[in-house]
Amino acid sequence: MKWKCDFSHIKCELKKTFGVVFLKIISTSLMENKVNLKLKFIKLYKTK
């Protein structure tokens, strides 16, 4: 039973780690998209 408990704990920790990494990836990609959109708007504004 001890081994099973340790295994489930490891799975839980992995899920937490994956969740944090996933959130970081999403937030950074969102920030990049925002910057790209701003740059596009600036370009459009300058061309007008």
PDB file of N, CA and C in Angstrom:
ATOM      1  N   MET A   1       0.843  -1.213   0.000  1.00  0.00           N
ATOM      2  CA  MET A   1       0.000   0.000   0.000  1.00  0.00           C
ATOM      3  C   MET A   1       0.878   1.263   0.000  1.00  0.00           C
ATOM      4  N   LYS A   2       2.005   1.185   0.682  1.00  0.00           N
ATOM      5  CA  LYS A   2       2.881   2.361   0.747  1.00  0.00           C
ATOM      6  C   LYS A   2       3.308   2.775  -0.661  1.00  0.00           C
ATOM      7  N   TRP A   3       3.695   1.782  -1.465  1.00  0.00           N
ATOM      8  CA  TRP A   3       4.149   2.078  -2.824  1.00  0.00           C
ATOM      9  C   TRP A   3       3.040   2.735  -3.639  1.00  0.00           C
ATOM     10  N   LYS A   4       1.825   2.187  -3.498  1.00  0.00           N
ATOM     11  CA  LYS A   4       0.691   2.736  -4.227  1.00  0.00           C
ATOM     12  C   LYS A   4       0.458   4.194  -3.828  1.00  0.00           C
ATOM     13  N   CYS A   5       0.567   4.456  -2.531  1.00  0.00           N
ATOM     14  CA  CYS A   5       0.364   5.812  -2.023  1.00  0.00           C
ATOM     15  C   CYS A   5       1.424   6.752  -2.608  1.00  0.00           C
ATOM     16  N   ASP A   6       2.683   6.303  -2.600  1.00  0.00           N
ATOM     17  CA  ASP A   6       3.760   7.122  -3.161  1.00  0.00           C
ATOM     18  C   ASP A   6       3.514   7.385  -4.639  1.00  0.00           C
ATOM     19  N   PHE A   7       3.053   6.356  -5.338  1.00  0.00           N
ATOM     20  CA  PHE A   7       2.826   6.498  -6.772  1.00  0.00           C
ATOM     21  C   PHE A   7       1.752   7.542  -7.055  1.00  0.00           C
ATOM     22  N   SER A   8       0.654   7.485  -6.303  1.00  0.00           N
ATOM     23  CA  SER A   8      -0.422   8.453  -6.523  1.00  0.00           C
ATOM     24  C   SER A   8       0.057   9.857  -6.162  1.00  0.00           C
ATOM     25  N   HIS A   9       0.915   9.955  -5.157  1.00  0.00           N
ATOM     26  CA  HIS A   9       1.460  11.259  -4.771  1.00  0.00           C
ATOM     27  C   HIS A   9       2.314  11.819  -5.910  1.00  0.00           C
ATOM     28  N   ILE A  10       3.130  10.956  -6.521  1.00  0.00           N
ATOM     29  CA  ILE A  10       3.963  11.375  -7.645  1.00  0.00           C
ATOM     30  C   ILE A  10       3.074  11.850  -8.793  1.00  0.00           C
ATOM     31  N   LYS A  11       2.009  11.095  -9.073  1.00  0.00           N
ATOM     32  CA  LYS A  11       1.084  11.498 -10.138  1.00  0.00           C
ATOM     33  C   LYS A  11       0.489  12.867  -9.840  1.00  0.00           C
ATOM     34  N   CYS A  12       0.130  13.094  -8.586  1.00  0.00           N
ATOM     35  CA  CYS A  12      -0.458  14.370  -8.177  1.00  0.00           C
ATOM     36  C   CYS A  12       0.540  15.493  -8.405  1.00  0.00           C
ATOM     37  N   GLU A  13       1.784  15.267  -7.997  1.00  0.00           N
ATOM     38  CA  GLU A  13       2.821  16.288  -8.173  1.00  0.00           C
ATOM     39  C   GLU A  13       3.045  16.575  -9.653  1.00  0.00           C
ATOM     40  N   LEU A  14       3.045  15.523 -10.475  1.00  0.00           N
ATOM     41  CA  LEU A  14       3.229  15.707 -11.917  1.00  0.00           C
ATOM     42  C   LEU A  14       2.101  16.551 -12.491  1.00  0.00           C
ATOM     43  N   LYS A  15       0.877  16.249 -12.060  1.00  0.00           N
ATOM     44  CA  LYS A  15      -0.275  17.022 -12.548  1.00  0.00           C
ATOM     45  C   LYS A  15      -0.118  18.487 -12.190  1.00  0.00           C
ATOM     46  N   LYS A  16       0.303  18.753 -10.944  1.00  0.00           N
ATOM     47  CA  LYS A  16       0.498  20.143 -10.509  1.00  0.00           C
ATOM     48  C   LYS A  16       1.544  20.815 -11.387  1.00  0.00           C
ATOM     49  N   THR A  17       2.679  20.126 -11.587  1.00  0.00           N
ATOM     50  CA  THR A  17       3.760  20.702 -12.376  1.00  0.00           C
ATOM     51  C   THR A  17       3.292  20.977 -13.798  1.00  0.00           C
ATOM     52  N   PHE A  18       2.609  19.993 -14.398  1.00  0.00           N
ATOM     53  CA  PHE A  18       2.106  20.181 -15.758  1.00  0.00           C
ATOM     54  C   PHE A  18       1.132  21.350 -15.816  1.00  0.00           C
ATOM     55  N   GLY A  19       0.281  21.462 -14.802  1.00  0.00           N
ATOM     56  CA  GLY A  19      -0.685  22.557 -14.765  1.00  0.00           C
ATOM     57  C   GLY A  19       0.013  23.912 -14.749  1.00  0.00           C
ATOM     58  N   VAL A  20       1.050  24.035 -13.908  1.00  0.00           N
ATOM     59  CA  VAL A  20       1.773  25.306 -13.804  1.00  0.00           C
ATOM     60  C   VAL A  20       2.456  25.629 -15.128  1.00  0.00           C
ATOM     61  N   VAL A  21       3.146  24.638 -15.694  1.00  0.00           N
ATOM     62  CA  VAL A  21       3.844  24.853 -16.965  1.00  0.00           C
ATOM     63  C   VAL A  21       2.843  25.234 -18.055  1.00  0.00           C
ATOM     64  N   PHE A  22       1.715  24.521 -18.094  1.00  0.00           N
ATOM     65  CA  PHE A  22       0.678  24.781 -19.093  1.00  0.00           C
ATOM     66  C   PHE A  22       0.173  26.214 -18.977  1.00  0.00           C
ATOM     67  N   LEU A  23      -0.109  26.653 -17.736  1.00  0.00           N
ATOM     68  CA  LEU A  23      -0.595  28.019 -17.516  1.00  0.00           C
ATOM     69  C   LEU A  23       0.443  29.039 -17.958  1.00  0.00           C
ATOM     70  N   LYS A  24       1.721  28.770 -17.651  1.00  0.00           N
ATOM     71  CA  LYS A  24       2.783  29.704 -18.045  1.00  0.00           C
ATOM     72  C   LYS A  24       2.843  29.809 -19.557  1.00  0.00           C
ATOM     73  N   ILE A  25       2.766  28.660 -20.250  1.00  0.00           N
ATOM     74  CA  ILE A  25       2.820  28.659 -21.712  1.00  0.00           C
ATOM     75  C   ILE A  25       1.652  29.462 -22.277  1.00  0.00           C
ATOM     76  N   ILE A  26       0.454  29.233 -21.734  1.00  0.00           N
ATOM     77  CA  ILE A  26      -0.733  29.944 -22.224  1.00  0.00           C
ATOM     78  C   ILE A  26      -0.584  31.445 -21.999  1.00  0.00           C
ATOM     79  N   SER A  27      -0.160  31.841 -20.791  1.00  0.00           N
ATOM     80  CA  SER A  27      -0.060  33.277 -20.491  1.00  0.00           C
ATOM     81  C   SER A  27       0.996  33.943 -21.365  1.00  0.00           C
ATOM     82  N   THR A  28       2.138  33.274 -21.585  1.00  0.00           N
ATOM     83  CA  THR A  28       3.177  33.882 -22.417  1.00  0.00           C
ATOM     84  C   THR A  28       2.707  34.001 -23.861  1.00  0.00           C
ATOM     85  N   SER A  29       2.009  32.991 -24.370  1.00  0.00           N
ATOM     86  CA  SER A  29       1.531  33.055 -25.751  1.00  0.00           C
ATOM     87  C   SER A  29       0.477  34.147 -25.889  1.00  0.00           C
ATOM     88  N   LEU A  30      -0.366  34.324 -24.850  1.00  0.00           N
ATOM     89  CA  LEU A  30      -1.368  35.393 -24.872  1.00  0.00           C
ATOM     90  C   LEU A  30      -0.679  36.747 -24.898  1.00  0.00           C
ATOM     91  N   MET A  31       0.365  36.912 -24.075  1.00  0.00           N
ATOM     92  CA  MET A  31       1.092  38.179 -24.050  1.00  0.00           C
ATOM     93  C   MET A  31       1.706  38.450 -25.419  1.00  0.00           C
ATOM     94  N   GLU A  32       2.297  37.426 -26.029  1.00  0.00           N
ATOM     95  CA  GLU A  32       2.903  37.593 -27.357  1.00  0.00           C
ATOM     96  C   GLU A  32       1.847  38.000 -28.369  1.00  0.00           C
ATOM     97  N   ASN A  33       0.671  37.379 -28.287  1.00  0.00           N
ATOM     98  CA  ASN A  33      -0.412  37.722 -29.214  1.00  0.00           C
ATOM     99  C   ASN A  33      -0.828  39.179 -29.035  1.00  0.00           C
ATOM    100  N   LYS A  34      -0.912  39.629 -27.780  1.00  0.00           N
ATOM    101  CA  LYS A  34      -1.296  41.014 -27.519  1.00  0.00           C
ATOM    102  C   LYS A  34      -0.277  41.965 -28.127  1.00  0.00           C
ATOM    103  N   VAL A  35       1.007  41.657 -27.941  1.00  0.00           N
ATOM    104  CA  VAL A  35       2.066  42.510 -28.493  1.00  0.00           C
ATOM    105  C   VAL A  35       1.967  42.525 -30.012  1.00  0.00           C
ATOM    106  N   ASN A  36       1.771  41.358 -30.607  1.00  0.00           N
ATOM    107  CA  ASN A  36       1.652  41.276 -32.064  1.00  0.00           C
ATOM    108  C   ASN A  36       0.469  42.089 -32.564  1.00  0.00           C
ATOM    109  N   LEU A  37      -0.662  41.999 -31.857  1.00  0.00           N
ATOM    110  CA  LEU A  37      -1.848  42.766 -32.248  1.00  0.00           C
ATOM    111  C   LEU A  37      -1.570  44.259 -32.165  1.00  0.00           C
ATOM    112  N   LYS A  38      -0.897  44.680 -31.091  1.00  0.00           N
ATOM    113  CA  LYS A  38      -0.566  46.106 -30.943  1.00  0.00           C
ATOM    114  C   LYS A  38       0.309  46.557 -32.103  1.00  0.00           C
ATOM    115  N   LEU A  39       1.309  45.740 -32.443  1.00  0.00           N
ATOM    116  CA  LEU A  39       2.200  46.098 -33.548  1.00  0.00           C
ATOM    117  C   LEU A  39       1.418  46.204 -34.850  1.00  0.00           C
ATOM    118  N   LYS A  40       0.497  45.286 -35.074  1.00  0.00           N
ATOM    119  CA  LYS A  40      -0.321  45.315 -36.289  1.00  0.00           C
ATOM    120  C   LYS A  40      -1.160  46.588 -36.335  1.00  0.00           C
ATOM    121  N   PHE A  41      -1.757  46.942 -35.180  1.00  0.00           N
ATOM    122  CA  PHE A  41      -2.581  48.152 -35.129  1.00  0.00           C
ATOM    123  C   PHE A  41      -1.731  49.386 -35.415  1.00  0.00           C
ATOM    124  N   ILE A  42      -0.519  49.421 -34.841  1.00  0.00           N
ATOM    125  CA  ILE A  42       0.370  50.568 -35.065  1.00  0.00           C
ATOM    126  C   ILE A  42       0.703  50.667 -36.557  1.00  0.00           C
ATOM    127  N   LYS A  43       0.998  49.524 -37.176  1.00  0.00           N
ATOM    128  CA  LYS A  43       1.311  49.525 -38.610  1.00  0.00           C
ATOM    129  C   LYS A  43       0.115  50.029 -39.416  1.00  0.00           C
ATOM    130  N   LEU A  44      -1.079  49.534 -39.086  1.00  0.00           N
ATOM    131  CA  LEU A  44      -2.286  49.970 -39.794  1.00  0.00           C
ATOM    132  C   LEU A  44      -2.497  51.470 -39.603  1.00  0.00           C
ATOM    133  N   TYR A  45      -2.295  51.914 -38.373  1.00  0.00           N
ATOM    134  CA  TYR A  45      -2.513  53.330 -38.057  1.00  0.00           C
ATOM    135  C   TYR A  45      -1.536  54.212 -38.846  1.00  0.00           C
ATOM    136  N   LYS A  46      -0.299  53.740 -38.962  1.00  0.00           N
ATOM    137  CA  LYS A  46       0.719  54.523 -39.680  1.00  0.00           C
ATOM    138  C   LYS A  46       0.454  54.546 -41.179  1.00  0.00           C
ATOM    139  N   THR A  47      -0.096  53.453 -41.712  1.00  0.00           N
ATOM    140  CA  THR A  47      -0.320  53.407 -43.159  1.00  0.00           C
ATOM    141  C   THR A  47      -1.496  54.285 -43.572  1.00  0.00           C
ATOM    142  N   LYS A  48      -2.416  54.554 -42.644  1.00  0.00           N
ATOM    143  CA  LYS A  48      -3.603  55.358 -42.997  1.00  0.00           C
ATOM    144  C   LYS A  48      -3.224  56.808 -43.293  1.00  0.00           C
TER     145      LYS A  48
END
